[in-house]
Amino acid sequence: MILGDVMVPGKSLRCDACMVEWVSIASRLPDACPNRECRSREWNGVKKKRKPAPKPKIEIELPKPRRTKQGEDDGYEF
């Protein structure tokens, strides 16, 4: 039984590498070309390289060693 026609919003896309055209109904752009022979991640042009976030400098502060006097008797007798 056919109830009626449905119009689904979509995007018509084309791969710049292999020129395959397809229709996507996803809300965001795909990561790679759906063509099995291509699968290019740069289907929509060359990806822009971005710099990684700088690593925070972690400075570990060690406790200062206790000063002990050399040659002093601890009060123990053998």
C-alpha atoms as a PDB file:
ATOM      1  CA  MET A   1       0.000   0.000   0.000  1.00  0.00           C
ATOM      2  CA  ILE A   2       1.379   3.429  -0.968  1.00  0.00           C
ATOM      3  CA  LEU A   3       0.312   6.243   1.320  1.00  0.00           C
ATOM      4  CA  GLY A   4       1.991   9.177  -0.379  1.00  0.00           C
ATOM      5  CA  ASP A   5       5.159  10.795  -1.707  1.00  0.00           C
ATOM      6  CA  VAL A   6       7.834  11.860   0.759  1.00  0.00           C
ATOM      7  CA  MET A   7      10.492  14.506   0.227  1.00  0.00           C
ATOM      8  CA  VAL A   8      13.588  13.928   2.330  1.00  0.00           C
ATOM      9  CA  PRO A   9      16.110  16.780   2.523  1.00  0.00           C
ATOM     10  CA  GLY A  10      19.547  15.759   1.307  1.00  0.00           C
ATOM     11  CA  LYS A  11      22.744  16.989  -0.300  1.00  0.00           C
ATOM     12  CA  SER A  12      24.033  16.172  -3.747  1.00  0.00           C
ATOM     13  CA  LEU A  13      27.809  15.597  -3.451  1.00  0.00           C
ATOM     14  CA  ARG A  14      30.653  14.837  -5.859  1.00  0.00           C
ATOM     15  CA  CYS A  15      34.145  13.509  -5.175  1.00  0.00           C
ATOM     16  CA  ASP A  16      36.919  15.751  -6.548  1.00  0.00           C
ATOM     17  CA  ALA A  17      39.254  12.741  -6.887  1.00  0.00           C
ATOM     18  CA  CYS A  18      37.089  10.216  -8.815  1.00  0.00           C
ATOM     19  CA  MET A  19      34.134  12.434  -9.892  1.00  0.00           C
ATOM     20  CA  VAL A  20      31.505  10.020  -8.482  1.00  0.00           C
ATOM     21  CA  GLU A  21      28.240  11.736  -7.540  1.00  0.00           C
ATOM     22  CA  TRP A  22      25.969  10.626  -4.667  1.00  0.00           C
ATOM     23  CA  VAL A  23      23.150  11.928  -2.499  1.00  0.00           C
ATOM     24  CA  SER A  24      23.576  12.071   1.266  1.00  0.00           C
ATOM     25  CA  ILE A  25      20.723  12.510   3.748  1.00  0.00           C
ATOM     26  CA  ALA A  26      23.091  12.823   6.732  1.00  0.00           C
ATOM     27  CA  SER A  27      23.194  16.160   8.562  1.00  0.00           C
ATOM     28  CA  ARG A  28      26.994  16.441   8.339  1.00  0.00           C
ATOM     29  CA  LEU A  29      29.416  15.861   5.470  1.00  0.00           C
ATOM     30  CA  PRO A  30      30.928  12.376   5.091  1.00  0.00           C
ATOM     31  CA  ASP A  31      34.528  11.659   6.086  1.00  0.00           C
ATOM     32  CA  ALA A  32      35.416   9.772   2.888  1.00  0.00           C
ATOM     33  CA  CYS A  33      34.177   9.101  -0.620  1.00  0.00           C
ATOM     34  CA  PRO A  34      31.674   6.194  -0.689  1.00  0.00           C
ATOM     35  CA  ASN A  35      33.159   4.812  -3.951  1.00  0.00           C
ATOM     36  CA  ARG A  36      34.851   1.474  -3.076  1.00  0.00           C
ATOM     37  CA  GLU A  37      37.707   2.080  -5.528  1.00  0.00           C
ATOM     38  CA  CYS A  38      38.377   5.610  -4.256  1.00  0.00           C
ATOM     39  CA  ARG A  39      37.587   5.997  -0.512  1.00  0.00           C
ATOM     40  CA  SER A  40      39.452   9.315  -0.605  1.00  0.00           C
ATOM     41  CA  ARG A  41      39.387  11.319   2.621  1.00  0.00           C
ATOM     42  CA  GLU A  42      40.099  14.398   0.493  1.00  0.00           C
ATOM     43  CA  TRP A  43      36.934  14.023  -1.612  1.00  0.00           C
ATOM     44  CA  ASN A  44      35.982  17.653  -0.905  1.00  0.00           C
ATOM     45  CA  GLY A  45      39.410  19.163  -1.574  1.00  0.00           C
ATOM     46  CA  VAL A  46      42.710  19.012   0.272  1.00  0.00           C
ATOM     47  CA  LYS A  47      42.324  18.844   4.041  1.00  0.00           C
ATOM     48  CA  LYS A  48      43.803  21.721   5.995  1.00  0.00           C
ATOM     49  CA  LYS A  49      46.517  20.656   8.394  1.00  0.00           C
ATOM     50  CA  ARG A  50      46.245  22.105  11.845  1.00  0.00           C
ATOM     51  CA  LYS A  51      48.816  22.356  14.552  1.00  0.00           C
ATOM     52  CA  PRO A  52      48.348  20.081  17.537  1.00  0.00           C
ATOM     53  CA  ALA A  53      47.506  21.753  20.804  1.00  0.00           C
ATOM     54  CA  PRO A  54      50.587  22.602  22.860  1.00  0.00           C
ATOM     55  CA  LYS A  55      51.282  20.208  25.683  1.00  0.00           C
ATOM     56  CA  PRO A  56      51.099  21.835  29.099  1.00  0.00           C
ATOM     57  CA  LYS A  57      54.415  22.030  30.878  1.00  0.00           C
ATOM     58  CA  ILE A  58      54.164  20.074  34.076  1.00  0.00           C
ATOM     59  CA  GLU A  59      56.778  20.950  36.636  1.00  0.00           C
ATOM     60  CA  ILE A  60      57.090  18.491  39.460  1.00  0.00           C
ATOM     61  CA  GLU A  61      58.491  19.973  42.606  1.00  0.00           C
ATOM     62  CA  LEU A  62      60.253  17.441  44.786  1.00  0.00           C
ATOM     63  CA  PRO A  63      60.536  18.012  48.533  1.00  0.00           C
ATOM     64  CA  LYS A  64      63.897  19.253  49.741  1.00  0.00           C
ATOM     65  CA  PRO A  65      65.992  16.587  51.439  1.00  0.00           C
ATOM     66  CA  ARG A  66      66.447  16.875  55.187  1.00  0.00           C
ATOM     67  CA  ARG A  67      69.877  17.868  56.367  1.00  0.00           C
ATOM     68  CA  THR A  68      71.508  15.400  58.655  1.00  0.00           C
ATOM     69  CA  LYS A  69      74.673  16.100  60.580  1.00  0.00           C
ATOM     70  CA  GLN A  70      77.503  13.688  59.926  1.00  0.00           C
ATOM     71  CA  GLY A  71      79.107  11.973  62.901  1.00  0.00           C
ATOM     72  CA  GLU A  72      76.467  12.887  65.441  1.00  0.00           C
ATOM     73  CA  ASP A  73      75.304  10.129  67.779  1.00  0.00           C
ATOM     74  CA  ASP A  74      71.596   9.287  67.539  1.00  0.00           C
ATOM     75  CA  GLY A  75      71.519   8.289  71.194  1.00  0.00           C
ATOM     76  CA  TYR A  76      71.665   4.566  70.543  1.00  0.00           C
ATOM     77  CA  GLU A  77      74.303   2.474  72.237  1.00  0.00           C
ATOM     78  CA  PHE A  78      75.445  -0.858  71.003  1.00  0.00           C
END
